Protein backbone atom coordinates (compact mmCIF):
# COMPACT_ATOMS: atom_id res chain seq x y z
CA MET A 1 138.20 54.56 39.52
CA ASN A 2 135.11 54.22 41.71
CA ARG A 3 137.28 54.49 44.82
CA ILE A 4 138.86 57.75 43.62
CA LEU A 5 135.45 59.18 42.78
CA TYR A 6 134.18 58.19 46.24
CA ILE A 7 137.08 59.99 47.96
CA VAL A 8 136.54 63.13 45.85
CA LEU A 9 132.87 63.19 46.75
CA LEU A 10 133.70 62.86 50.45
CA VAL A 11 136.10 65.83 50.26
CA ILE A 12 133.49 67.97 48.49
CA LEU A 13 130.82 67.05 51.04
CA PHE A 14 133.15 67.87 53.95
CA ASN A 15 134.01 71.29 52.51
CA PHE A 16 130.32 72.04 51.95
CA LEU A 17 129.27 71.13 55.47
CA THR A 18 132.03 73.11 57.16
CA SER A 19 131.40 76.20 55.02
CA CYS A 20 127.73 76.25 56.07
CA ASN A 21 128.76 77.05 59.63
CA GLY A 22 130.81 80.07 58.62
CA GLN A 23 133.49 80.73 61.24
CA THR A 24 133.93 77.65 63.37
CA ASN A 25 136.60 78.29 66.00
CA SER A 26 136.13 77.28 69.63
CA ASN A 27 134.19 80.43 70.49
CA ALA A 28 131.65 80.10 67.70
CA VAL A 29 130.44 76.56 68.31
CA GLN A 30 130.01 74.12 71.14
CA THR A 31 130.71 70.40 70.96
CA SER A 32 127.88 68.11 72.05
CA LYS A 33 128.30 64.76 73.79
CA THR A 34 128.00 63.05 70.40
CA GLY A 35 130.87 65.11 69.00
CA THR A 36 128.62 67.24 66.80
CA ARG A 37 129.63 70.89 66.58
CA GLU A 38 126.64 73.15 67.13
CA LEU A 39 126.21 76.83 66.28
CA VAL A 40 125.54 79.17 69.21
CA GLY A 41 121.87 80.14 69.00
CA GLY A 42 121.18 77.52 66.35
CA GLY A 43 121.37 80.02 63.48
CA CYS A 44 118.60 82.20 62.06
CA ASP A 45 117.25 83.37 58.75
CA GLY A 46 118.43 86.89 57.93
CA CYS A 47 120.57 87.59 60.99
CA GLU A 48 123.70 87.60 58.84
CA LEU A 49 122.41 90.75 57.16
CA MET A 50 123.50 92.69 60.23
CA TYR A 51 126.95 92.86 58.62
CA VAL A 52 125.68 94.43 55.40
CA GLY A 53 126.36 98.15 55.65
CA MET A 54 127.53 97.88 59.26
CA PRO A 55 129.44 101.06 60.24
CA THR A 56 133.05 100.82 61.33
CA ASN A 57 132.32 102.86 64.43
CA ILE A 58 129.09 102.09 66.26
CA ASN A 59 127.80 104.22 69.13
CA SER A 60 125.66 103.25 72.11
CA VAL A 61 122.97 105.62 70.78
CA ASP A 62 121.38 105.37 67.35
CA THR A 63 118.70 107.40 65.59
CA SER A 64 116.94 105.36 62.91
CA ALA A 65 115.83 106.65 59.53
CA GLY A 66 112.26 106.32 60.79
CA TRP A 67 112.75 109.03 63.42
CA ALA A 68 112.27 111.73 60.80
CA GLU A 69 109.28 110.02 59.21
CA LYS A 70 105.59 109.77 59.99
CA GLY A 71 104.79 107.62 63.00
CA GLN A 72 104.73 107.40 66.81
CA LYS A 73 108.17 108.41 68.08
CA LEU A 74 109.74 105.75 70.30
CA LEU A 75 112.80 105.63 72.55
CA LEU A 76 113.97 102.10 73.25
CA THR A 77 116.63 102.06 75.95
CA GLY A 78 118.12 99.79 78.58
CA LYS A 79 121.12 97.68 79.50
CA VAL A 80 122.69 94.48 78.25
CA PHE A 81 123.83 92.07 80.96
CA LYS A 82 125.90 88.91 81.00
CA LEU A 83 124.25 85.56 81.70
CA ASP A 84 124.05 86.23 85.45
CA GLY A 85 121.62 89.07 84.71
CA LYS A 86 123.63 91.45 86.91
CA THR A 87 127.00 92.14 85.26
CA PRO A 88 126.84 94.84 82.54
CA ALA A 89 128.16 93.70 79.16
CA SER A 90 130.08 96.27 77.10
CA ASN A 91 130.90 96.29 73.36
CA VAL A 92 127.90 94.14 72.44
CA ILE A 93 126.39 94.98 69.06
CA VAL A 94 122.59 95.01 68.85
CA TYR A 95 121.28 95.08 65.28
CA TYR A 96 117.62 95.97 64.74
CA TRP A 97 115.23 96.18 61.81
CA GLN A 98 111.52 96.97 61.66
CA THR A 99 108.53 97.91 59.56
CA ASP A 100 107.63 101.49 58.70
CA ASN A 101 104.41 103.36 59.50
CA ASN A 102 102.61 101.32 56.83
CA GLY A 103 103.68 97.96 58.24
CA LEU A 104 106.20 97.35 55.45
CA TYR A 105 109.92 96.67 55.27
CA SER A 106 110.26 99.41 52.71
CA PRO A 107 113.63 99.74 50.95
CA LYS A 108 115.16 103.04 49.89
CA GLN A 109 116.96 103.90 46.70
CA GLY A 110 120.67 103.23 46.95
CA MET A 111 120.38 100.50 49.61
CA ASP A 112 122.49 97.39 49.27
CA GLU A 113 120.38 94.78 47.45
CA LYS A 114 120.95 92.21 50.19
CA ALA A 115 119.70 94.53 52.95
CA LYS A 116 116.49 95.52 51.17
CA ARG A 117 114.56 92.61 52.69
CA HIS A 118 115.05 94.29 56.11
CA GLY A 119 113.80 97.64 54.85
CA HIS A 120 115.36 101.05 55.42
CA ILE A 121 114.54 101.35 59.15
CA ARG A 122 117.49 99.39 60.45
CA GLY A 123 120.54 100.18 62.51
CA TRP A 124 123.10 99.26 65.12
CA VAL A 125 124.06 100.15 68.66
CA LYS A 126 127.08 98.99 70.65
CA THR A 127 126.75 98.94 74.42
CA ASP A 128 128.92 101.33 76.42
CA GLU A 129 131.08 100.48 79.44
CA ASN A 130 127.92 100.23 81.58
CA GLY A 131 126.06 98.02 79.11
CA LYS A 132 123.70 100.85 78.11
CA TYR A 133 122.12 101.38 74.71
CA SER A 134 119.43 103.69 73.28
CA ILE A 135 117.55 103.66 69.99
CA TYR A 136 115.44 106.59 68.76
CA THR A 137 113.01 105.33 66.16
CA ILE A 138 109.28 105.12 65.44
CA ARG A 139 106.93 102.47 66.70
CA PRO A 140 106.53 99.78 64.02
CA VAL A 141 103.12 99.04 62.56
CA PRO A 142 101.79 95.46 62.14
CA TYR A 143 101.86 93.82 58.73
CA PRO A 144 98.82 94.81 56.64
CA ASN A 145 95.88 92.40 56.85
CA ASP A 146 97.67 90.12 59.29
CA THR A 147 97.35 89.05 62.92
CA ILE A 148 101.05 89.16 63.80
CA PRO A 149 101.73 91.80 66.48
CA ALA A 150 103.93 94.79 65.63
CA HIS A 151 107.55 93.98 66.40
CA ILE A 152 111.19 94.97 66.13
CA HIS A 153 113.61 92.25 65.05
CA THR A 154 116.97 92.06 66.81
CA SER A 155 120.15 90.04 66.57
CA ILE A 156 123.18 90.10 68.83
CA LYS A 157 126.91 90.00 68.16
CA GLU A 158 129.02 89.47 71.26
CA PRO A 159 132.74 90.30 71.11
CA ASN A 160 133.80 86.81 72.25
CA ILE A 161 131.41 84.72 70.17
CA ASP A 162 132.07 84.52 66.45
CA ASN A 163 128.53 84.13 65.16
CA GLU A 164 125.51 86.33 65.67
CA TYR A 165 122.28 84.99 67.17
CA TYR A 166 118.73 86.26 67.45
CA ILE A 167 116.82 87.15 70.61
CA ASP A 168 113.07 87.58 71.14
CA GLU A 169 111.43 90.11 68.87
CA PHE A 170 110.46 93.24 70.76
CA VAL A 171 106.65 93.37 70.93
CA PHE A 172 104.34 95.78 72.72
CA ASP A 173 102.35 94.99 75.85
CA ASP A 174 99.45 97.23 74.78
CA ASP A 175 99.17 95.68 71.30
CA LYS A 176 95.73 94.08 70.90
CA LEU A 177 97.26 91.53 68.53
CA LEU A 178 99.51 90.25 71.33
CA THR A 179 97.08 87.67 72.66
CA GLY A 180 97.54 85.52 75.75
CA GLU A 181 98.35 82.54 73.55
CA LYS A 182 101.06 84.49 71.72
CA ARG A 183 102.53 85.71 75.01
CA LYS A 184 102.88 82.13 76.21
CA ALA A 185 104.56 81.16 72.95
CA LEU A 186 107.44 83.61 73.44
CA GLU A 187 110.82 81.88 73.65
CA ASN A 188 112.32 84.35 76.16
CA ARG A 189 115.60 84.34 74.25
CA GLY A 190 117.67 87.05 75.87
CA GLY A 191 114.78 87.67 78.26
CA ASN A 192 111.15 88.47 77.69
CA GLY A 193 110.74 90.69 74.63
CA ILE A 194 107.54 92.45 75.73
CA LEU A 195 107.96 96.24 75.83
CA ARG A 196 105.90 98.30 78.27
CA VAL A 197 105.78 101.89 77.12
CA LEU A 198 105.44 105.12 79.06
CA LEU A 199 104.41 108.40 77.43
CA LYS A 200 106.43 111.61 77.81
CA ASN A 201 104.77 114.36 75.76
CA ASP A 202 104.70 112.92 72.23
CA LEU A 203 107.44 110.35 72.92
CA GLN A 204 106.83 106.73 73.92
CA ILE A 205 109.60 105.29 76.08
CA ALA A 206 110.30 101.58 76.49
CA GLU A 207 112.94 100.43 78.94
CA HIS A 208 114.23 96.98 78.03
CA ASP A 209 117.17 94.95 79.35
CA ILE A 210 118.79 92.06 77.47
CA ILE A 211 120.38 89.04 79.15
CA LEU A 212 123.09 87.51 76.98
CA GLY A 213 122.80 83.76 76.54
CA LEU A 214 119.48 83.40 78.36
CA ASN A 215 117.56 80.55 76.69
CA ILE A 216 120.06 80.58 73.82
CA PRO A 217 120.88 77.05 72.56
CA ASN A 218 124.54 75.95 72.71
CA TYR A 219 125.54 79.06 74.64
CA PRO A 220 128.98 78.65 76.25
CA ASN A 221 129.41 78.51 80.02
CA SER A 222 125.70 77.99 80.75
CA LYS A 223 125.41 77.21 84.47
CA LYS A 224 123.15 74.20 84.22
CA ASP A 225 124.48 72.49 87.35
CA GLU A 226 123.66 75.32 89.75
CA LEU A 227 120.74 75.08 92.18
CA GLN A 228 117.65 76.28 90.34
CA SER A 229 114.43 77.83 91.62
CA GLY A 230 112.25 80.48 90.04
CA LEU A 231 112.37 82.03 86.61
CA ASN A 232 115.45 83.83 85.35
CA ILE A 233 116.40 87.46 85.64
CA GLY A 234 115.07 89.14 82.51
CA GLU A 235 111.91 87.02 82.29
CA ASP A 236 108.46 88.20 83.31
CA GLN A 237 107.14 87.48 86.78
CA PRO A 238 104.05 85.42 85.89
CA SER A 239 100.49 86.03 86.99
CA PHE A 240 99.01 83.59 89.51
CA ILE A 241 96.16 83.61 92.05
CA PRO A 242 97.16 82.69 95.62
CA PHE A 243 94.83 82.80 98.63
CA HIS A 244 95.40 85.98 100.67
CA ALA A 245 95.32 85.06 104.37
CA PHE A 246 96.60 88.34 105.81
CA GLY A 247 97.33 91.81 104.49
CA PRO A 248 95.77 94.42 102.17
CA ASP A 249 93.87 91.89 100.01
CA LYS A 250 92.87 89.47 102.78
CA GLY A 251 90.06 87.12 101.83
CA THR A 252 90.63 87.46 98.07
CA ARG A 253 92.59 85.68 95.40
CA THR A 254 94.12 88.82 93.99
CA CYS A 255 96.91 88.24 91.47
CA PRO A 256 99.89 90.24 92.83
CA VAL A 257 101.37 90.97 89.41
CA CYS A 258 98.02 91.71 87.74
CA LYS A 259 97.03 94.32 90.32
CA TYR A 260 100.39 95.81 91.21
CA GLY A 261 102.53 94.90 88.19
CA ARG A 262 103.58 98.48 87.54
CA TYR A 263 105.14 98.65 90.99
CA HIS A 264 108.42 97.44 92.32
CA GLY A 265 107.74 94.05 93.89
CA ILE A 266 109.28 91.32 96.03
CA VAL A 267 107.83 87.81 96.13
CA TYR A 268 109.19 85.64 98.94
CA PHE A 269 108.48 81.95 98.26
CA VAL A 270 108.74 79.20 100.90
CA GLY A 271 107.91 75.58 100.10
CA ASP A 272 108.23 72.19 101.79
CA ASN A 273 111.04 73.08 104.20
CA PRO A 274 109.92 76.11 106.24
CA ASN A 275 112.23 77.54 108.90
CA TRP A 276 109.70 79.63 110.81
CA GLU A 277 112.28 81.44 112.92
CA ASP A 278 114.00 82.70 109.76
CA ILE A 279 110.68 83.29 107.99
CA LYS A 280 109.50 85.63 110.74
CA LYS A 281 112.73 87.63 110.52
CA TRP A 282 112.25 88.02 106.78
CA LEU A 283 108.60 88.98 107.16
CA ARG A 284 109.46 91.76 109.62
CA GLN A 285 112.20 93.09 107.34
CA LEU A 286 110.14 92.99 104.16
CA ASP A 287 107.25 94.66 105.95
CA ASN A 288 109.61 97.43 107.08
CA GLU A 289 110.81 97.87 103.49
CA SER A 290 107.19 98.10 102.36
CA LEU A 291 106.43 100.76 104.96
CA SER A 292 109.46 102.90 104.10
CA ARG A 293 108.93 102.53 100.32
CA GLU A 294 105.15 102.30 100.26
CA LYS A 295 104.75 104.64 97.29
CA TYR A 296 106.17 102.07 94.93
CA LEU A 297 107.05 98.78 96.69
CA LYS A 298 104.70 95.80 97.14
CA THR A 299 105.87 92.68 99.01
CA TYR A 300 104.33 89.20 99.19
CA PHE A 301 104.96 86.01 101.11
CA VAL A 302 103.81 82.91 99.22
CA TYR A 303 103.68 79.68 101.22
CA GLY A 304 103.51 76.54 99.08
CA ASN A 305 104.15 73.61 101.41
CA SER A 306 102.62 70.56 99.75
CA LYS A 307 102.81 68.40 102.88
CA ASN A 308 99.49 67.77 104.68
CA TYR A 309 97.79 70.68 102.94
CA ASN A 310 94.59 71.95 104.50
CA LYS A 311 93.24 75.27 103.30
CA GLN A 312 91.58 76.40 106.55
CA LYS A 313 94.51 75.32 108.68
CA ARG A 314 96.98 77.18 106.46
CA GLN A 315 94.88 80.32 106.43
CA THR A 316 94.60 80.30 110.23
CA GLU A 317 98.33 79.68 110.56
CA LEU A 318 99.25 82.71 108.46
CA GLU A 319 96.64 84.94 110.11
CA LYS A 320 98.15 84.10 113.49
CA ILE A 321 101.68 84.98 112.28
CA GLY A 322 100.53 88.27 110.74
CA THR A 323 98.86 89.28 113.99
CA GLU A 324 101.77 88.12 116.15
CA LEU A 325 104.29 90.19 114.13
CA ASN A 326 101.89 93.13 113.73
CA LEU A 327 102.57 93.24 109.99
CA GLN A 328 101.21 96.30 108.18
CA LYS A 329 101.91 96.09 104.46
CA ILE A 330 103.22 92.70 103.41
CA ALA A 331 100.66 90.22 102.06
CA LEU A 332 100.71 86.70 103.51
CA THR A 333 99.42 84.31 100.86
CA PHE A 334 99.44 80.58 100.17
CA VAL A 335 98.88 77.97 97.48
CA PRO A 336 98.36 74.20 97.81
CA SER A 337 101.80 73.59 96.29
CA PHE A 338 104.20 75.14 93.80
CA THR A 339 103.13 72.58 91.21
CA ASP A 340 99.46 73.58 91.52
CA THR A 341 97.92 74.42 88.15
CA GLU A 342 94.57 75.76 89.38
CA SER A 343 96.27 78.74 91.05
CA GLU A 344 98.90 78.73 88.29
CA ALA A 345 101.56 78.75 91.00
CA ASN A 346 103.40 76.25 88.80
CA LEU A 347 104.27 79.06 86.37
CA ASN A 348 106.75 80.43 88.91
CA ASN A 349 109.00 77.35 88.53
CA ILE A 350 109.73 77.30 92.27
CA ASN A 351 111.81 74.44 93.66
CA SER A 352 109.82 73.44 96.76
CA SER A 353 112.80 71.71 98.36
CA VAL A 354 114.86 74.89 98.82
CA GLU A 355 114.44 76.96 101.97
CA ASN A 356 113.39 80.10 100.12
CA THR A 357 113.33 81.84 96.77
CA ILE A 358 113.23 85.64 96.74
CA ILE A 359 112.24 87.31 93.48
CA PHE A 360 112.56 91.04 92.74
CA TYR A 361 110.54 92.44 89.87
CA ARG A 362 109.89 95.85 88.38
CA HIS A 363 107.31 96.59 85.70
CA ARG A 364 106.55 92.83 85.87
CA LYS A 365 110.09 91.92 84.79
CA ILE A 366 112.39 89.98 87.14
CA VAL A 367 115.40 92.16 87.96
CA ASP A 368 117.08 90.00 90.63
CA LYS A 369 116.73 86.67 92.41
CA TYR A 370 118.19 84.80 95.39
CA ILE A 371 117.86 81.23 96.61
CA ASN A 372 118.32 80.16 100.26
CA LEU A 373 119.06 83.70 101.41
CA LYS A 374 119.55 83.93 105.18
CA PRO A 375 117.93 86.75 107.22
CA THR A 376 121.16 88.46 108.30
CA GLU A 377 121.88 92.16 108.70
CA GLN A 378 124.20 91.94 105.71
CA ASN A 379 121.43 90.48 103.55
CA PHE A 380 118.93 93.04 104.82
CA LYS A 381 121.31 95.72 103.54
CA LEU A 382 121.65 93.79 100.29
CA ILE A 383 117.87 93.86 99.82
CA ALA A 384 117.78 97.64 100.35
CA GLU A 385 120.65 98.15 97.89
CA ILE A 386 118.92 96.06 95.23
CA LEU A 387 115.72 98.06 95.62
CA ASP A 388 117.66 101.33 95.35
CA GLN A 389 119.61 100.16 92.30
CA THR A 390 116.59 98.86 90.39
CA LYS A 391 114.13 101.57 91.42
CA GLY A 392 114.81 104.31 88.88
CA ASN A 393 114.99 104.57 85.12
CA TYR A 394 118.19 103.86 83.31
CA PHE A 395 117.92 107.10 81.40
CA ASP A 396 117.47 110.80 81.76
CA LEU A 397 114.82 112.10 79.36
CA ASN A 398 117.26 114.81 78.27
CA GLU A 399 119.95 112.23 77.55
CA PRO A 400 121.35 110.71 75.42
CA LYS A 401 121.51 113.38 72.74
CA HIS A 402 120.33 112.55 69.27
CA GLU A 403 120.18 114.35 65.97
């Protein structure tokens, strides 16, 4: 009798554990080395409510209920990319929910009881063939009598992954509640969630791209074995304070991103294995790009060789190269090493053993990256194409149409 009871209890426990994971086919979960099946994203509280009231047909443009209410009008727009940060991802559902102009998740009469905890300002967009999405809403207000920054919650449903997962809440760069400590605590799930707004008449516009799978636990096909150097596309280019040996800020420790963060930027990192012949070719080309695009492009060379570091020697070395090449716009800078914490060069996550790491950023956000890129004519053209492609906005202020 005890044996039968034991077997029954085992069957009940098995059914309970498997039902907690919802759908569990090969796309929804990954199998760890220990044989444990793990949910993509690790699960989240409330994300499943995206399915409550979800429309059958979802457009790439949505106008929230808040658009017609009191509050600062906001257009949130951008693209969703696959894990490489470059390939547009279509048919991805982005579900969002937020507070109203009083900082509350206020329900409306007639709402589904389950969805009331997300309030009435909620909705869905599905990316188009180019990965684009746009949301017309109002800017959320922080919770009353709290120190949590204003934010928009989001969860993602990819067509080839069975379960939804959450990405970083969208927060606002100009929010006084978004302290330095809170910025550092961001998980960067799907990319950095900080929104930088521009003002067009009475409309605030925030351009924000999402990188599927970035920093998402148990995400399938993560390329962990590839050569790594630098932060990922979709993350913020961090602030740091190199020594400027040659260029516009010579003699200072100006933070490139702090001073010129609103510009288009290229940061060219070289560590312990410099190839000076190739470096000089790159410096000439990047300087030419800076001259031809000087209204918006800032370029920097950051030398972080940790071998036999001597500050004066390094400064003299870079000054000599700048003069020899007659460089006009590019800044030649250096740090003791890429693990140096005083300059905060360590925040760049540069692998000092690679020949080079070239980071492209715009509005502080990394939009492209290359490792060990050779200074060939083909790659010079590639650089120009990347700058052209990432220069402009993803939207026309007269499009998309909304009601």
